[in-house]
């Protein structure tokens, strides 16, 4: 239950950072697994919402990239949500192939072990 003192607006808009970007956490729509984190600008978000194919902004190449355009490991949008502050997107997708550029299903494959981050086996 939400406390009476908390105001939750009915509408919200993306809260872009100083570079005009917003982080997008990408999650498997079927099992909830977090697949990756990437960035979107307004054009990438608009293309994603209108086409259903997930498009990100590459900060290193300074250009739009449709996920899977070269690898074939595509993401089909199921649902998009903004967090309560409007500064992070959640994209629920159907993932074809690996989400990570390494070919792994998820980009999150290191876990802390003693004083190091170790590669964990894929499940």
N, C-alpha and C. Protein backbone atom coordinates (compact mmCIF):
# COMPACT_ATOMS: atom_id res chain seq x y z
N UNK A 1 0.84 -1.18 0.00
CA UNK A 1 0.00 0.00 0.00
C UNK A 1 0.88 1.24 0.00
N UNK A 2 0.48 2.24 -0.75
CA UNK A 2 1.22 3.49 -0.86
C UNK A 2 0.80 4.43 0.27
N UNK A 3 1.77 4.99 1.00
CA UNK A 3 1.41 5.95 2.06
C UNK A 3 0.65 7.15 1.47
N UNK A 4 -0.27 7.71 2.23
CA UNK A 4 -1.07 8.85 1.77
C UNK A 4 -0.21 10.06 1.42
N UNK A 5 0.95 10.19 2.04
CA UNK A 5 1.80 11.37 1.82
C UNK A 5 2.59 11.29 0.51
N UNK A 6 2.58 10.15 -0.17
CA UNK A 6 3.33 10.00 -1.42
C UNK A 6 2.41 10.32 -2.59
N UNK A 7 2.85 11.27 -3.41
CA UNK A 7 2.08 11.63 -4.61
C UNK A 7 2.64 10.86 -5.80
N UNK A 8 1.79 10.10 -6.45
CA UNK A 8 2.19 9.34 -7.64
C UNK A 8 1.43 9.94 -8.82
N UNK A 9 2.18 10.57 -9.74
CA UNK A 9 1.50 11.20 -10.89
C UNK A 9 0.89 10.15 -11.81
N UNK A 10 -0.16 10.54 -12.52
CA UNK A 10 -0.80 9.65 -13.48
C UNK A 10 0.01 9.51 -14.75
N UNK A 11 0.79 10.53 -15.07
CA UNK A 11 1.62 10.53 -16.28
C UNK A 11 3.04 10.91 -15.91
N UNK A 12 3.99 10.41 -16.70
CA UNK A 12 5.40 10.72 -16.47
C UNK A 12 6.09 10.69 -17.84
N UNK A 13 7.17 11.42 -17.96
CA UNK A 13 7.94 11.40 -19.21
C UNK A 13 9.37 10.96 -18.88
N UNK A 14 10.07 10.41 -19.88
CA UNK A 14 11.46 10.01 -19.62
C UNK A 14 12.29 11.19 -19.14
N UNK A 15 13.13 10.92 -18.15
CA UNK A 15 14.03 11.91 -17.59
C UNK A 15 15.42 11.66 -18.18
N UNK A 16 15.68 12.25 -19.35
CA UNK A 16 16.93 12.03 -20.07
C UNK A 16 18.09 12.66 -19.31
N UNK A 17 19.29 12.05 -19.37
CA UNK A 17 20.45 12.63 -18.70
C UNK A 17 20.99 13.80 -19.53
N UNK A 18 22.09 14.39 -19.11
CA UNK A 18 22.65 15.56 -19.79
C UNK A 18 23.08 15.27 -21.23
N UNK A 19 23.30 13.99 -21.55
CA UNK A 19 23.68 13.61 -22.90
C UNK A 19 22.46 13.20 -23.75
N UNK A 20 21.26 13.35 -23.17
CA UNK A 20 20.04 12.99 -23.88
C UNK A 20 19.80 11.49 -23.91
N UNK A 21 20.32 10.78 -22.91
CA UNK A 21 20.21 9.32 -22.86
C UNK A 21 19.50 8.87 -21.59
N UNK A 22 19.02 7.63 -21.65
CA UNK A 22 18.40 6.99 -20.50
C UNK A 22 18.85 5.53 -20.48
N UNK A 23 19.22 4.98 -19.30
CA UNK A 23 19.59 3.56 -19.26
C UNK A 23 18.37 2.67 -19.45
N UNK A 24 18.59 1.57 -20.16
CA UNK A 24 17.51 0.60 -20.41
C UNK A 24 17.96 -0.77 -19.93
N UNK A 25 17.30 -1.26 -18.91
CA UNK A 25 17.53 -2.61 -18.40
C UNK A 25 16.66 -3.54 -19.24
N UNK A 26 17.28 -4.56 -19.81
CA UNK A 26 16.54 -5.47 -20.68
C UNK A 26 16.37 -6.81 -19.98
N UNK A 27 15.14 -7.28 -19.95
CA UNK A 27 14.76 -8.47 -19.19
C UNK A 27 13.99 -9.43 -20.10
N UNK A 28 14.25 -10.73 -19.92
CA UNK A 28 13.51 -11.76 -20.65
C UNK A 28 12.06 -11.73 -20.17
N UNK A 29 11.13 -11.57 -21.10
CA UNK A 29 9.71 -11.47 -20.75
C UNK A 29 9.15 -12.78 -20.23
N UNK A 30 9.76 -13.90 -20.57
CA UNK A 30 9.23 -15.20 -20.16
C UNK A 30 9.68 -15.62 -18.76
N UNK A 31 10.96 -15.37 -18.43
CA UNK A 31 11.46 -15.89 -17.15
C UNK A 31 12.01 -14.82 -16.20
N UNK A 32 12.02 -13.54 -16.62
CA UNK A 32 12.47 -12.46 -15.75
C UNK A 32 13.97 -12.26 -15.68
N UNK A 33 14.75 -13.09 -16.38
CA UNK A 33 16.21 -12.96 -16.35
C UNK A 33 16.63 -11.60 -16.90
N UNK A 34 17.54 -10.92 -16.18
CA UNK A 34 18.11 -9.67 -16.67
C UNK A 34 19.16 -10.02 -17.72
N UNK A 35 18.97 -9.49 -18.92
CA UNK A 35 19.84 -9.85 -20.03
C UNK A 35 20.97 -8.86 -20.25
N UNK A 36 20.68 -7.57 -20.16
CA UNK A 36 21.70 -6.57 -20.45
C UNK A 36 21.25 -5.20 -19.97
N UNK A 37 22.19 -4.27 -20.00
CA UNK A 37 21.93 -2.86 -19.77
C UNK A 37 22.51 -2.11 -20.95
N UNK A 38 21.74 -1.23 -21.54
CA UNK A 38 22.22 -0.41 -22.66
C UNK A 38 21.59 0.97 -22.52
N UNK A 39 21.86 1.82 -23.48
CA UNK A 39 21.38 3.20 -23.44
C UNK A 39 20.46 3.47 -24.62
N UNK A 40 19.52 4.37 -24.42
CA UNK A 40 18.62 4.80 -25.48
C UNK A 40 18.56 6.33 -25.49
N UNK A 41 18.42 6.87 -26.70
CA UNK A 41 18.05 8.27 -26.82
C UNK A 41 16.59 8.31 -27.25
N UNK A 42 16.04 9.50 -27.46
CA UNK A 42 14.62 9.60 -27.80
C UNK A 42 14.30 8.89 -29.11
N UNK A 43 15.20 8.99 -30.09
CA UNK A 43 14.96 8.34 -31.38
C UNK A 43 14.95 6.81 -31.24
N UNK A 44 15.89 6.28 -30.47
CA UNK A 44 15.94 4.82 -30.25
C UNK A 44 14.66 4.34 -29.56
N UNK A 45 14.21 5.08 -28.57
CA UNK A 45 12.99 4.68 -27.86
C UNK A 45 11.79 4.74 -28.80
N UNK A 46 11.69 5.79 -29.59
CA UNK A 46 10.57 5.92 -30.53
C UNK A 46 10.58 4.79 -31.54
N UNK A 47 11.74 4.47 -32.11
CA UNK A 47 11.84 3.38 -33.08
C UNK A 47 11.46 2.04 -32.44
N UNK A 48 11.89 1.84 -31.21
CA UNK A 48 11.56 0.61 -30.48
C UNK A 48 10.05 0.49 -30.27
N UNK A 49 9.45 1.56 -29.81
CA UNK A 49 8.01 1.54 -29.50
C UNK A 49 7.16 1.40 -30.76
N UNK A 50 7.60 1.96 -31.88
CA UNK A 50 6.79 1.90 -33.09
C UNK A 50 7.02 0.62 -33.89
N UNK A 51 8.25 0.07 -33.86
CA UNK A 51 8.55 -1.12 -34.67
C UNK A 51 8.44 -2.42 -33.90
N UNK A 52 8.67 -2.37 -32.58
CA UNK A 52 8.72 -3.59 -31.78
C UNK A 52 10.08 -4.25 -31.78
N UNK A 53 10.99 -3.81 -32.67
CA UNK A 53 12.38 -4.28 -32.67
C UNK A 53 13.17 -3.34 -31.77
N UNK A 54 13.93 -3.88 -30.82
CA UNK A 54 14.62 -3.02 -29.86
C UNK A 54 15.83 -2.36 -30.52
N UNK A 55 15.88 -1.03 -30.36
CA UNK A 55 16.95 -0.20 -30.91
C UNK A 55 17.59 0.55 -29.75
N UNK A 56 18.91 0.55 -29.72
CA UNK A 56 19.66 1.25 -28.67
C UNK A 56 20.52 2.35 -29.28
N UNK A 57 21.14 3.14 -28.40
CA UNK A 57 22.11 4.15 -28.81
C UNK A 57 23.48 3.65 -28.38
N UNK A 58 24.40 3.55 -29.33
CA UNK A 58 25.77 3.15 -29.01
C UNK A 58 26.56 4.38 -28.60
N UNK A 59 26.99 4.41 -27.35
CA UNK A 59 27.77 5.55 -26.87
C UNK A 59 29.16 5.56 -27.48
N UNK A 60 29.72 4.39 -27.79
CA UNK A 60 31.07 4.35 -28.36
C UNK A 60 31.06 4.72 -29.85
N UNK A 61 30.06 4.24 -30.58
CA UNK A 61 29.99 4.54 -32.03
C UNK A 61 29.18 5.78 -32.33
N UNK A 62 28.46 6.29 -31.32
CA UNK A 62 27.63 7.48 -31.48
C UNK A 62 26.60 7.32 -32.59
N UNK A 63 25.91 6.14 -32.55
CA UNK A 63 24.89 5.88 -33.55
C UNK A 63 23.85 4.90 -33.01
N UNK A 64 22.70 4.87 -33.66
CA UNK A 64 21.66 3.91 -33.31
C UNK A 64 22.10 2.52 -33.74
N UNK A 65 21.69 1.50 -32.98
CA UNK A 65 21.90 0.12 -33.42
C UNK A 65 20.71 -0.74 -33.02
N UNK A 66 20.20 -1.42 -34.03
CA UNK A 66 19.11 -2.37 -33.80
C UNK A 66 19.71 -3.66 -33.29
N UNK A 67 19.29 -4.09 -32.14
CA UNK A 67 19.83 -5.30 -31.53
C UNK A 67 19.66 -6.48 -32.48
N UNK A 68 20.78 -7.12 -32.82
CA UNK A 68 20.76 -8.28 -33.68
C UNK A 68 20.92 -7.99 -35.16
N UNK A 69 21.12 -6.72 -35.52
CA UNK A 69 21.23 -6.36 -36.94
C UNK A 69 22.37 -7.11 -37.63
N UNK A 70 23.47 -7.33 -36.93
CA UNK A 70 24.59 -8.06 -37.54
C UNK A 70 24.70 -9.49 -37.01
N UNK A 71 24.33 -9.71 -35.75
CA UNK A 71 24.48 -11.04 -35.14
C UNK A 71 23.29 -11.95 -35.37
N UNK A 72 22.14 -11.37 -35.62
CA UNK A 72 20.90 -12.17 -35.69
C UNK A 72 20.27 -12.42 -34.33
N UNK A 73 20.92 -11.96 -33.26
CA UNK A 73 20.42 -12.15 -31.89
C UNK A 73 19.48 -10.98 -31.54
N UNK A 74 18.27 -11.07 -32.04
CA UNK A 74 17.33 -9.96 -31.97
C UNK A 74 16.54 -9.94 -30.67
N UNK A 75 15.96 -8.77 -30.41
CA UNK A 75 15.06 -8.59 -29.27
C UNK A 75 13.76 -8.01 -29.78
N UNK A 76 12.67 -8.69 -29.46
CA UNK A 76 11.33 -8.23 -29.81
C UNK A 76 10.67 -7.69 -28.55
N UNK A 77 10.27 -6.43 -28.58
CA UNK A 77 9.68 -5.79 -27.42
C UNK A 77 8.33 -6.40 -27.06
N UNK A 78 8.17 -6.74 -25.79
CA UNK A 78 6.89 -7.20 -25.26
C UNK A 78 6.24 -6.07 -24.47
N UNK A 79 7.05 -5.37 -23.67
CA UNK A 79 6.54 -4.30 -22.82
C UNK A 79 7.67 -3.37 -22.45
N UNK A 80 7.36 -2.08 -22.35
CA UNK A 80 8.32 -1.08 -21.88
C UNK A 80 7.71 -0.36 -20.69
N UNK A 81 8.55 -0.09 -19.69
CA UNK A 81 8.10 0.63 -18.50
C UNK A 81 9.16 1.64 -18.08
N UNK A 82 8.72 2.72 -17.48
CA UNK A 82 9.61 3.69 -16.84
C UNK A 82 9.56 3.47 -15.34
N UNK A 83 10.69 3.69 -14.67
CA UNK A 83 10.68 3.59 -13.21
C UNK A 83 10.00 4.82 -12.61
N UNK A 84 9.87 4.82 -11.30
CA UNK A 84 9.11 5.85 -10.59
C UNK A 84 9.68 7.26 -10.77
N UNK A 85 10.98 7.39 -11.05
CA UNK A 85 11.60 8.70 -11.26
C UNK A 85 11.68 9.06 -12.73
N UNK A 86 11.34 8.12 -13.60
CA UNK A 86 11.41 8.37 -15.04
C UNK A 86 12.81 8.36 -15.59
N UNK A 87 13.79 7.87 -14.78
CA UNK A 87 15.18 7.94 -15.24
C UNK A 87 15.78 6.59 -15.62
N UNK A 88 14.97 5.54 -15.67
CA UNK A 88 15.43 4.23 -16.10
C UNK A 88 14.28 3.50 -16.79
N UNK A 89 14.60 2.89 -17.92
CA UNK A 89 13.62 2.09 -18.65
C UNK A 89 13.79 0.62 -18.31
N UNK A 90 12.70 -0.10 -18.32
CA UNK A 90 12.71 -1.55 -18.25
C UNK A 90 12.08 -2.05 -19.55
N UNK A 91 12.83 -2.84 -20.31
CA UNK A 91 12.33 -3.43 -21.54
C UNK A 91 12.18 -4.93 -21.32
N UNK A 92 10.97 -5.42 -21.45
CA UNK A 92 10.72 -6.86 -21.38
C UNK A 92 10.66 -7.34 -22.82
N UNK A 93 11.49 -8.33 -23.15
CA UNK A 93 11.66 -8.73 -24.55
C UNK A 93 11.58 -10.24 -24.72
N UNK A 94 11.36 -10.64 -25.97
CA UNK A 94 11.62 -12.01 -26.39
C UNK A 94 12.98 -11.97 -27.06
N UNK A 95 13.93 -12.69 -26.48
CA UNK A 95 15.31 -12.70 -26.95
C UNK A 95 15.54 -13.88 -27.87
N UNK A 96 16.12 -13.61 -29.03
CA UNK A 96 16.53 -14.68 -29.94
C UNK A 96 18.05 -14.74 -29.89
N UNK A 97 18.60 -15.88 -29.46
CA UNK A 97 20.05 -16.00 -29.33
C UNK A 97 20.55 -15.30 -28.08
N UNK A 98 21.84 -15.08 -28.02
CA UNK A 98 22.44 -14.43 -26.86
C UNK A 98 22.21 -12.93 -26.87
N UNK A 99 22.04 -12.35 -25.70
CA UNK A 99 21.88 -10.90 -25.59
C UNK A 99 23.22 -10.19 -25.54
N UNK A 100 24.24 -10.87 -25.05
CA UNK A 100 25.56 -10.27 -24.88
C UNK A 100 26.36 -10.34 -26.18
N UNK A 101 27.21 -9.33 -26.39
CA UNK A 101 28.05 -9.33 -27.60
C UNK A 101 29.05 -10.49 -27.59
N UNK A 102 29.23 -11.13 -26.42
CA UNK A 102 30.13 -12.30 -26.33
C UNK A 102 29.44 -13.57 -26.81
N UNK A 103 28.13 -13.49 -27.03
CA UNK A 103 27.36 -14.66 -27.42
C UNK A 103 26.61 -15.32 -26.28
N UNK A 104 26.94 -14.92 -25.06
CA UNK A 104 26.22 -15.48 -23.90
C UNK A 104 24.80 -14.95 -23.84
N UNK A 105 23.96 -15.69 -23.17
CA UNK A 105 22.55 -15.31 -23.04
C UNK A 105 22.39 -13.97 -22.33
N UNK A 106 23.15 -13.76 -21.26
CA UNK A 106 23.09 -12.53 -20.47
C UNK A 106 24.47 -11.90 -20.39
N UNK A 107 24.51 -10.60 -20.23
CA UNK A 107 25.79 -9.89 -20.04
C UNK A 107 26.31 -10.01 -18.61
N UNK A 108 25.49 -10.52 -17.71
CA UNK A 108 25.84 -10.58 -16.29
C UNK A 108 26.33 -11.97 -15.93
N UNK A 109 27.62 -12.24 -16.17
CA UNK A 109 28.15 -13.59 -15.93
C UNK A 109 29.41 -13.60 -15.07
N UNK A 110 29.60 -12.55 -14.30
CA UNK A 110 30.67 -12.54 -13.30
C UNK A 110 30.04 -12.38 -11.93
N UNK A 111 30.53 -13.14 -10.95
CA UNK A 111 30.01 -13.07 -9.58
C UNK A 111 31.19 -12.93 -8.62
N UNK A 112 30.97 -12.25 -7.49
CA UNK A 112 32.06 -12.08 -6.53
C UNK A 112 32.42 -13.41 -5.87
N UNK A 113 33.71 -13.65 -5.79
CA UNK A 113 34.23 -14.83 -5.12
C UNK A 113 35.52 -14.43 -4.42
N UNK A 114 35.48 -14.47 -3.09
CA UNK A 114 36.59 -13.98 -2.28
C UNK A 114 36.85 -12.53 -2.67
N UNK A 115 38.03 -12.19 -3.16
CA UNK A 115 38.33 -10.78 -3.46
C UNK A 115 38.31 -10.48 -4.96
N UNK A 116 37.74 -11.39 -5.76
CA UNK A 116 37.73 -11.20 -7.21
C UNK A 116 36.34 -11.43 -7.78
N UNK A 117 36.15 -10.99 -9.00
CA UNK A 117 34.93 -11.28 -9.75
C UNK A 117 35.27 -12.41 -10.70
N UNK A 118 34.57 -13.54 -10.55
CA UNK A 118 34.88 -14.75 -11.31
C UNK A 118 33.78 -15.06 -12.32
N UNK A 119 34.21 -15.60 -13.45
CA UNK A 119 33.30 -16.08 -14.47
C UNK A 119 32.47 -17.23 -13.92
N UNK A 120 31.16 -17.18 -14.10
CA UNK A 120 30.30 -18.27 -13.64
C UNK A 120 29.83 -19.07 -14.85
N UNK A 121 29.58 -20.34 -14.61
CA UNK A 121 29.15 -21.23 -15.69
C UNK A 121 27.76 -20.83 -16.15
N UNK A 122 27.51 -21.00 -17.42
CA UNK A 122 26.17 -20.75 -17.95
C UNK A 122 25.25 -21.88 -17.53
N UNK A 123 24.02 -21.53 -17.25
CA UNK A 123 23.05 -22.55 -16.83
C UNK A 123 22.27 -23.04 -18.01
